Amino acid sequence: MSPKLLVQLSMAAAGAVALATILDLALGIPFGRAMIFDIMFIITAAVVLYLGWESYRELT
């Protein structure tokens, strides 16, 4: 696997986590509104997305 693909896949996974936690905050689906975990997951997903974006820019 190329490094670009790995970075893109990690960004996609972080985006999926962010989307799931935003849905959880808004609707209570799929995790049942555990507010502190939702906030931690969103912050972590944002950090991974930022690091992935910076790494992707370095690779191109």
N, C-alpha and C. Protein backbone atom coordinates (compact mmCIF):
# COMPACT_ATOMS: atom_id res chain seq x y z
N MET A 1 0.84 -1.18 0.00
CA MET A 1 0.00 0.00 0.00
C MET A 1 0.88 1.24 0.00
N SER A 2 0.45 2.21 -0.74
CA SER A 2 1.21 3.45 -0.79
C SER A 2 0.91 4.31 0.45
N PRO A 3 1.86 5.15 0.82
CA PRO A 3 1.63 6.02 1.98
C PRO A 3 0.43 6.97 1.78
N LYS A 4 0.23 7.44 0.56
CA LYS A 4 -0.92 8.32 0.31
C LYS A 4 -2.23 7.62 0.61
N LEU A 5 -2.32 6.37 0.19
CA LEU A 5 -3.55 5.61 0.42
C LEU A 5 -3.80 5.38 1.90
N LEU A 6 -2.74 5.09 2.65
CA LEU A 6 -2.89 4.89 4.09
C LEU A 6 -3.35 6.17 4.79
N VAL A 7 -2.82 7.29 4.36
CA VAL A 7 -3.24 8.57 4.94
C VAL A 7 -4.70 8.84 4.60
N GLN A 8 -5.08 8.59 3.36
CA GLN A 8 -6.47 8.80 2.95
C GLN A 8 -7.42 7.89 3.72
N LEU A 9 -7.04 6.64 3.93
CA LEU A 9 -7.89 5.72 4.68
C LEU A 9 -8.01 6.13 6.14
N SER A 10 -6.93 6.63 6.73
CA SER A 10 -7.03 7.08 8.12
C SER A 10 -7.91 8.32 8.22
N MET A 11 -7.85 9.20 7.23
CA MET A 11 -8.72 10.37 7.23
C MET A 11 -10.17 9.97 7.04
N ALA A 12 -10.42 8.97 6.22
CA ALA A 12 -11.79 8.49 6.02
C ALA A 12 -12.34 7.87 7.30
N ALA A 13 -11.50 7.12 8.00
CA ALA A 13 -11.94 6.51 9.27
C ALA A 13 -12.23 7.59 10.31
N ALA A 14 -11.38 8.61 10.38
CA ALA A 14 -11.61 9.71 11.32
C ALA A 14 -12.88 10.47 10.95
N GLY A 15 -13.13 10.65 9.68
CA GLY A 15 -14.37 11.30 9.24
C GLY A 15 -15.60 10.48 9.61
N ALA A 16 -15.50 9.17 9.49
CA ALA A 16 -16.62 8.30 9.86
C ALA A 16 -16.89 8.37 11.36
N VAL A 17 -15.83 8.40 12.16
CA VAL A 17 -15.99 8.53 13.61
C VAL A 17 -16.63 9.87 13.96
N ALA A 18 -16.16 10.94 13.32
CA ALA A 18 -16.73 12.27 13.57
C ALA A 18 -18.20 12.31 13.20
N LEU A 19 -18.55 11.73 12.05
CA LEU A 19 -19.95 11.71 11.62
C LEU A 19 -20.82 10.91 12.58
N ALA A 20 -20.33 9.77 13.03
CA ALA A 20 -21.10 8.94 13.97
C ALA A 20 -21.30 9.65 15.30
N THR A 21 -20.29 10.36 15.77
CA THR A 21 -20.45 11.05 17.05
C THR A 21 -21.34 12.28 16.93
N ILE A 22 -21.30 12.96 15.79
CA ILE A 22 -22.21 14.08 15.59
C ILE A 22 -23.65 13.59 15.54
N LEU A 23 -23.88 12.46 14.86
CA LEU A 23 -25.22 11.86 14.86
C LEU A 23 -25.64 11.45 16.26
N ASP A 24 -24.70 10.95 17.03
CA ASP A 24 -25.02 10.55 18.40
C ASP A 24 -25.40 11.75 19.25
N LEU A 25 -24.69 12.86 19.09
CA LEU A 25 -25.03 14.06 19.84
C LEU A 25 -26.40 14.60 19.43
N ALA A 26 -26.70 14.55 18.14
CA ALA A 26 -27.94 15.12 17.64
C ALA A 26 -29.15 14.21 17.88
N LEU A 27 -28.98 12.91 17.63
CA LEU A 27 -30.13 12.00 17.63
C LEU A 27 -30.09 10.92 18.70
N GLY A 28 -28.94 10.72 19.31
CA GLY A 28 -28.82 9.63 20.28
C GLY A 28 -28.57 8.28 19.64
N ILE A 29 -28.28 8.30 18.34
CA ILE A 29 -28.01 7.07 17.60
C ILE A 29 -26.56 7.13 17.16
N PRO A 30 -25.73 6.21 17.22
CA PRO A 30 -25.83 4.81 17.57
C PRO A 30 -25.34 4.48 18.97
N PHE A 31 -24.80 5.45 19.73
CA PHE A 31 -24.16 5.13 21.00
C PHE A 31 -24.96 5.48 22.24
N GLY A 32 -26.02 6.21 22.11
CA GLY A 32 -26.86 6.50 23.27
C GLY A 32 -26.49 7.74 24.05
N ARG A 33 -25.95 8.76 23.38
CA ARG A 33 -25.67 10.07 23.97
C ARG A 33 -24.78 10.05 25.22
N ALA A 34 -23.63 9.48 25.10
CA ALA A 34 -22.63 9.58 26.15
C ALA A 34 -21.82 10.84 25.86
N MET A 35 -22.25 11.96 26.42
CA MET A 35 -21.77 13.29 26.03
C MET A 35 -20.26 13.45 26.13
N ILE A 36 -19.65 13.02 27.22
CA ILE A 36 -18.21 13.23 27.39
C ILE A 36 -17.42 12.42 26.36
N PHE A 37 -17.88 11.21 26.06
CA PHE A 37 -17.19 10.40 25.05
C PHE A 37 -17.38 11.00 23.66
N ASP A 38 -18.56 11.53 23.39
CA ASP A 38 -18.80 12.16 22.09
C ASP A 38 -17.86 13.34 21.88
N ILE A 39 -17.69 14.16 22.89
CA ILE A 39 -16.81 15.32 22.77
C ILE A 39 -15.36 14.87 22.58
N MET A 40 -14.95 13.86 23.32
CA MET A 40 -13.58 13.35 23.17
C MET A 40 -13.36 12.74 21.79
N PHE A 41 -14.35 12.01 21.27
CA PHE A 41 -14.23 11.41 19.94
C PHE A 41 -14.17 12.47 18.86
N ILE A 42 -14.95 13.54 18.99
CA ILE A 42 -14.92 14.60 17.99
C ILE A 42 -13.57 15.31 17.99
N ILE A 43 -13.05 15.60 19.18
CA ILE A 43 -11.74 16.25 19.27
C ILE A 43 -10.66 15.35 18.68
N THR A 44 -10.70 14.06 19.02
CA THR A 44 -9.70 13.12 18.50
C THR A 44 -9.81 12.98 16.99
N ALA A 45 -11.03 12.89 16.47
CA ALA A 45 -11.21 12.79 15.02
C ALA A 45 -10.70 14.04 14.32
N ALA A 46 -10.93 15.20 14.91
CA ALA A 46 -10.44 16.45 14.32
C ALA A 46 -8.91 16.47 14.29
N VAL A 47 -8.28 16.00 15.35
CA VAL A 47 -6.81 15.96 15.38
C VAL A 47 -6.28 14.99 14.32
N VAL A 48 -6.89 13.83 14.20
CA VAL A 48 -6.44 12.86 13.20
C VAL A 48 -6.65 13.41 11.79
N LEU A 49 -7.78 14.08 11.56
CA LEU A 49 -8.01 14.70 10.25
C LEU A 49 -6.97 15.77 9.94
N TYR A 50 -6.65 16.58 10.92
CA TYR A 50 -5.63 17.62 10.72
C TYR A 50 -4.27 17.00 10.42
N LEU A 51 -3.87 16.02 11.22
CA LEU A 51 -2.58 15.38 10.99
C LEU A 51 -2.54 14.65 9.65
N GLY A 52 -3.64 14.04 9.28
CA GLY A 52 -3.72 13.38 7.98
C GLY A 52 -3.60 14.38 6.84
N TRP A 53 -4.28 15.51 6.98
CA TRP A 53 -4.21 16.55 5.95
C TRP A 53 -2.79 17.07 5.80
N GLU A 54 -2.13 17.33 6.91
CA GLU A 54 -0.75 17.82 6.85
C GLU A 54 0.19 16.76 6.24
N SER A 55 -0.01 15.51 6.61
CA SER A 55 0.83 14.44 6.05
C SER A 55 0.58 14.27 4.56
N TYR A 56 -0.68 14.37 4.16
CA TYR A 56 -1.01 14.24 2.74
C TYR A 56 -0.37 15.37 1.93
N ARG A 57 -0.39 16.59 2.49
CA ARG A 57 0.23 17.71 1.79
C ARG A 57 1.74 17.52 1.65
N GLU A 58 2.37 16.91 2.65
CA GLU A 58 3.81 16.65 2.57
C GLU A 58 4.13 15.58 1.53
N LEU A 59 3.20 14.64 1.34
CA LEU A 59 3.45 13.54 0.41
C LEU A 59 3.25 13.95 -1.05
N THR A 60 2.50 15.01 -1.27
CA THR A 60 2.25 15.40 -2.67
C THR A 60 3.20 16.46 -3.13
